[in-house]
C-alpha atoms as a PDB file:
ATOM      1  CA  UNK A   1    -250.178 132.181 -93.486  1.00  0.00           C
ATOM      2  CA  UNK A   2    -251.136 128.808 -92.327  1.00  0.00           C
ATOM      3  CA  UNK A   3    -252.163 128.130 -88.814  1.00  0.00           C
ATOM      4  CA  UNK A   4    -250.775 125.436 -86.590  1.00  0.00           C
ATOM      5  CA  UNK A   5    -247.195 125.682 -87.900  1.00  0.00           C
ATOM      6  CA  UNK A   6    -247.790 123.737 -91.088  1.00  0.00           C
ATOM      7  CA  UNK A   7    -246.255 125.223 -94.195  1.00  0.00           C
ATOM      8  CA  UNK A   8    -248.400 125.568 -97.265  1.00  0.00           C
ATOM      9  CA  UNK A   9    -247.996 122.826 -99.848  1.00  0.00           C
ATOM     10  CA  UNK A  10    -245.544 123.594-102.570  1.00  0.00           C
ATOM     11  CA  UNK A  11    -246.631 123.015-106.144  1.00  0.00           C
ATOM     12  CA  UNK A  12    -244.980 120.013-107.803  1.00  0.00           C
ATOM     13  CA  UNK A  13    -242.467 120.934-110.528  1.00  0.00           C
ATOM     14  CA  UNK A  14    -243.501 120.037-114.030  1.00  0.00           C
ATOM     15  CA  UNK A  15    -241.210 117.576-115.828  1.00  0.00           C
ATOM     16  CA  UNK A  16    -239.002 119.065-118.521  1.00  0.00           C
ATOM     17  CA  UNK A  17    -238.007 117.197-121.641  1.00  0.00           C
ATOM     18  CA  UNK A  18    -234.442 117.792-122.771  1.00  0.00           C
ATOM     19  CA  UNK A  19    -233.518 117.484-126.379  1.00  0.00           C
ATOM     20  CA  UNK A  20    -229.890 116.401-126.937  1.00  0.00           C
ATOM     21  CA  UNK A  21    -228.362 116.673-130.348  1.00  0.00           C
ATOM     22  CA  UNK A  22    -225.197 114.741-131.174  1.00  0.00           C
ATOM     23  CA  UNK A  23    -222.026 116.766-131.015  1.00  0.00           C
ATOM     24  CA  UNK A  24    -219.572 116.656-133.898  1.00  0.00           C
ATOM     25  CA  UNK A  25    -217.231 113.672-133.663  1.00  0.00           C
ATOM     26  CA  UNK A  26    -213.683 114.272-132.641  1.00  0.00           C
ATOM     27  CA  UNK A  27    -210.965 112.255-134.335  1.00  0.00           C
ATOM     28  CA  UNK A  28    -208.400 111.013-131.839  1.00  0.00           C
ATOM     29  CA  UNK A  29    -204.864 110.573-133.034  1.00  0.00           C
ATOM     30  CA  UNK A  30    -202.703 107.855-131.508  1.00  0.00           C
ATOM     31  CA  UNK A  31    -199.838 109.028-129.377  1.00  0.00           C
ATOM     32  CA  UNK A  32    -196.596 109.019-131.292  1.00  0.00           C
ATOM     33  CA  UNK A  33    -193.623 107.227-129.863  1.00  0.00           C
ATOM     34  CA  UNK A  34    -190.485 109.278-129.462  1.00  0.00           C
ATOM     35  CA  UNK A  35    -188.249 109.022-132.493  1.00  0.00           C
ATOM     36  CA  UNK A  36    -184.899 107.290-131.850  1.00  0.00           C
ATOM     37  CA  UNK A  37    -181.776 109.285-132.334  1.00  0.00           C
ATOM     38  CA  UNK A  38    -180.011 108.276-135.516  1.00  0.00           C
ATOM     39  CA  UNK A  39    -176.240 108.118-135.393  1.00  0.00           C
ATOM     40  CA  UNK A  40    -173.975 107.523-138.317  1.00  0.00           C
ATOM     41  CA  UNK A  41    -171.778 104.459-138.181  1.00  0.00           C
ATOM     42  CA  UNK A  42    -168.726 103.811-140.271  1.00  0.00           C
ATOM     43  CA  UNK A  43    -168.648 100.477-142.014  1.00  0.00           C
ATOM     44  CA  UNK A  44    -165.835  98.130-141.108  1.00  0.00           C
ATOM     45  CA  UNK A  45    -163.545  97.143-143.947  1.00  0.00           C
ATOM     46  CA  UNK A  46    -164.197  93.725-145.433  1.00  0.00           C
ATOM     47  CA  UNK A  47    -162.053  90.921-144.088  1.00  0.00           C
ATOM     48  CA  UNK A  48    -159.491  89.431-146.367  1.00  0.00           C
ATOM     49  CA  UNK A  49    -159.829  85.785-147.378  1.00  0.00           C
ATOM     50  CA  UNK A  50    -156.830  84.834-145.238  1.00  0.00           C
ATOM     51  CA  UNK A  51    -158.510  86.319-142.144  1.00  0.00           C
ATOM     52  CA  UNK A  52    -161.669  84.307-142.808  1.00  0.00           C
ATOM     53  CA  UNK A  53    -159.622  81.123-143.235  1.00  0.00           C
ATOM     54  CA  UNK A  54    -157.692  81.794-140.037  1.00  0.00           C
ATOM     55  CA  UNK A  55    -160.944  82.385-138.110  1.00  0.00           C
ATOM     56  CA  UNK A  56    -162.471  79.157-139.407  1.00  0.00           C
ATOM     57  CA  UNK A  57    -159.423  77.136-138.407  1.00  0.00           C
ATOM     58  CA  UNK A  58    -159.659  78.532-134.854  1.00  0.00           C
ATOM     59  CA  UNK A  59    -163.240  77.398-134.337  1.00  0.00           C
ATOM     60  CA  UNK A  60    -163.970  74.759-131.738  1.00  0.00           C
ATOM     61  CA  UNK A  61    -167.108  72.622-131.651  1.00  0.00           C
ATOM     62  CA  UNK A  62    -168.656  70.257-129.145  1.00  0.00           C
ATOM     63  CA  UNK A  63    -169.737  67.072-130.866  1.00  0.00           C
ATOM     64  CA  UNK A  64    -172.552  65.333-129.051  1.00  0.00           C
ATOM     65  CA  UNK A  65    -173.149  62.402-131.363  1.00  0.00           C
ATOM     66  CA  UNK A  66    -172.760  60.873-134.800  1.00  0.00           C
ATOM     67  CA  UNK A  67    -175.674  59.195-136.604  1.00  0.00           C
ATOM     68  CA  UNK A  68    -175.884  56.971-139.660  1.00  0.00           C
ATOM     69  CA  UNK A  69    -179.397  58.303-140.434  1.00  0.00           C
ATOM     70  CA  UNK A  70    -180.540  61.917-140.777  1.00  0.00           C
ATOM     71  CA  UNK A  71    -183.625  61.473-138.598  1.00  0.00           C
ATOM     72  CA  UNK A  72    -181.648  60.794-135.426  1.00  0.00           C
ATOM     73  CA  UNK A  73    -179.326  63.719-136.066  1.00  0.00           C
ATOM     74  CA  UNK A  74    -182.220  66.124-136.699  1.00  0.00           C
ATOM     75  CA  UNK A  75    -184.054  64.968-133.567  1.00  0.00           C
ATOM     76  CA  UNK A  76    -180.964  65.628-131.457  1.00  0.00           C
ATOM     77  CA  UNK A  77    -180.393  68.975-133.164  1.00  0.00           C
ATOM     78  CA  UNK A  78    -183.972  70.003-132.339  1.00  0.00           C
ATOM     79  CA  UNK A  79    -183.460  69.008-128.706  1.00  0.00           C
ATOM     80  CA  UNK A  80    -180.438  71.285-128.361  1.00  0.00           C
ATOM     81  CA  UNK A  81    -182.141  74.116-130.242  1.00  0.00           C
ATOM     82  CA  UNK A  82    -185.007  73.923-127.724  1.00  0.00           C
ATOM     83  CA  UNK A  83    -182.360  74.441-125.019  1.00  0.00           C
ATOM     84  CA  UNK A  84    -181.126  77.560-126.890  1.00  0.00           C
ATOM     85  CA  UNK A  85    -177.867  76.116-128.229  1.00  0.00           C
ATOM     86  CA  UNK A  86    -176.416  76.936-131.628  1.00  0.00           C
ATOM     87  CA  UNK A  87    -176.284  73.569-133.418  1.00  0.00           C
ATOM     88  CA  UNK A  88    -175.238  72.255-136.812  1.00  0.00           C
ATOM     89  CA  UNK A  89    -175.283  68.865-138.499  1.00  0.00           C
ATOM     90  CA  UNK A  90    -172.153  68.103-140.481  1.00  0.00           C
ATOM     91  CA  UNK A  91    -172.271  65.202-142.915  1.00  0.00           C
ATOM     92  CA  UNK A  92    -168.937  63.411-143.280  1.00  0.00           C
ATOM     93  CA  UNK A  93    -168.600  60.005-144.989  1.00  0.00           C
ATOM     94  CA  UNK A  94    -172.311  59.163-144.635  1.00  0.00           C
ATOM     95  CA  UNK A  95    -172.288  60.068-140.943  1.00  0.00           C
ATOM     96  CA  UNK A  96    -174.349  62.945-139.532  1.00  0.00           C
ATOM     97  CA  UNK A  97    -172.413  64.640-136.764  1.00  0.00           C
ATOM     98  CA  UNK A  98    -174.303  66.875-134.339  1.00  0.00           C
ATOM     99  CA  UNK A  99    -172.109  69.773-133.239  1.00  0.00           C
ATOM    100  CA  UNK A 100    -172.724  72.687-130.866  1.00  0.00           C
ATOM    101  CA  UNK A 101    -170.848  75.925-131.387  1.00  0.00           C
ATOM    102  CA  UNK A 102    -168.642  77.264-132.763  1.00  0.00           C
ATOM    103  CA  UNK A 103    -166.511  78.608-129.936  1.00  0.00           C
ATOM    104  CA  UNK A 104    -163.586  80.931-130.701  1.00  0.00           C
ATOM    105  CA  UNK A 105    -161.242  79.319-128.183  1.00  0.00           C
ATOM    106  CA  UNK A 106    -160.669  75.915-126.708  1.00  0.00           C
ATOM    107  CA  UNK A 107    -161.145  77.409-123.240  1.00  0.00           C
ATOM    108  CA  UNK A 108    -164.673  78.575-124.087  1.00  0.00           C
ATOM    109  CA  UNK A 109    -165.468  75.192-125.630  1.00  0.00           C
ATOM    110  CA  UNK A 110    -164.157  73.418-122.501  1.00  0.00           C
ATOM    111  CA  UNK A 111    -166.371  75.611-120.279  1.00  0.00           C
ATOM    112  CA  UNK A 112    -169.461  74.692-122.299  1.00  0.00           C
ATOM    113  CA  UNK A 113    -168.446  71.038-122.557  1.00  0.00           C
ATOM    114  CA  UNK A 114    -168.921  70.587-118.817  1.00  0.00           C
ATOM    115  CA  UNK A 115    -172.483  71.920-119.128  1.00  0.00           C
ATOM    116  CA  UNK A 116    -173.235  69.583-122.044  1.00  0.00           C
ATOM    117  CA  UNK A 117    -171.774  66.577-120.222  1.00  0.00           C
ATOM    118  CA  UNK A 118    -174.009  67.301-117.232  1.00  0.00           C
ATOM    119  CA  UNK A 119    -177.040  66.506-119.425  1.00  0.00           C
ATOM    120  CA  UNK A 120    -178.210  62.888-119.206  1.00  0.00           C
ATOM    121  CA  UNK A 121    -177.013  60.897-122.232  1.00  0.00           C
ATOM    122  CA  UNK A 122    -174.292  63.375-123.262  1.00  0.00           C
ATOM    123  CA  UNK A 123    -171.576  62.464-120.773  1.00  0.00           C
ATOM    124  CA  UNK A 124    -169.282  61.423-123.643  1.00  0.00           C
ATOM    125  CA  UNK A 125    -169.534  64.628-125.717  1.00  0.00           C
ATOM    126  CA  UNK A 126    -166.146  65.866-126.949  1.00  0.00           C
ATOM    127  CA  UNK A 127    -164.448  68.867-128.540  1.00  0.00           C
ATOM    128  CA  UNK A 128    -163.613  68.922-132.245  1.00  0.00           C
ATOM    129  CA  UNK A 129    -161.987  71.527-134.438  1.00  0.00           C
END
């Protein structure tokens, strides 16, 4: 026992070298998304030619312009496509008509016409059938 209240010195621990060997690799599988429920759907009968003709005759379009050259018509078409409108170019007698639609009723075409006319430069757009 040491005198004077001092504890005897403890021996220093000797360093230990650890050897680590690689563990076997584990293959992780990606999580699988839940499978959607599949429901059977009955096909609708094909429309008769007279129904298709009747539907086409009831279509309404908003014509925004008519061009004598394709380039102007395609530029305007691209503008309306960028605004998320459904647009077509109809060539009639060497004129390229830019039309938005079709709309199934005149009422729907009239509602959209006010939106088109609010755009600068398209105040004179009109409805065609």
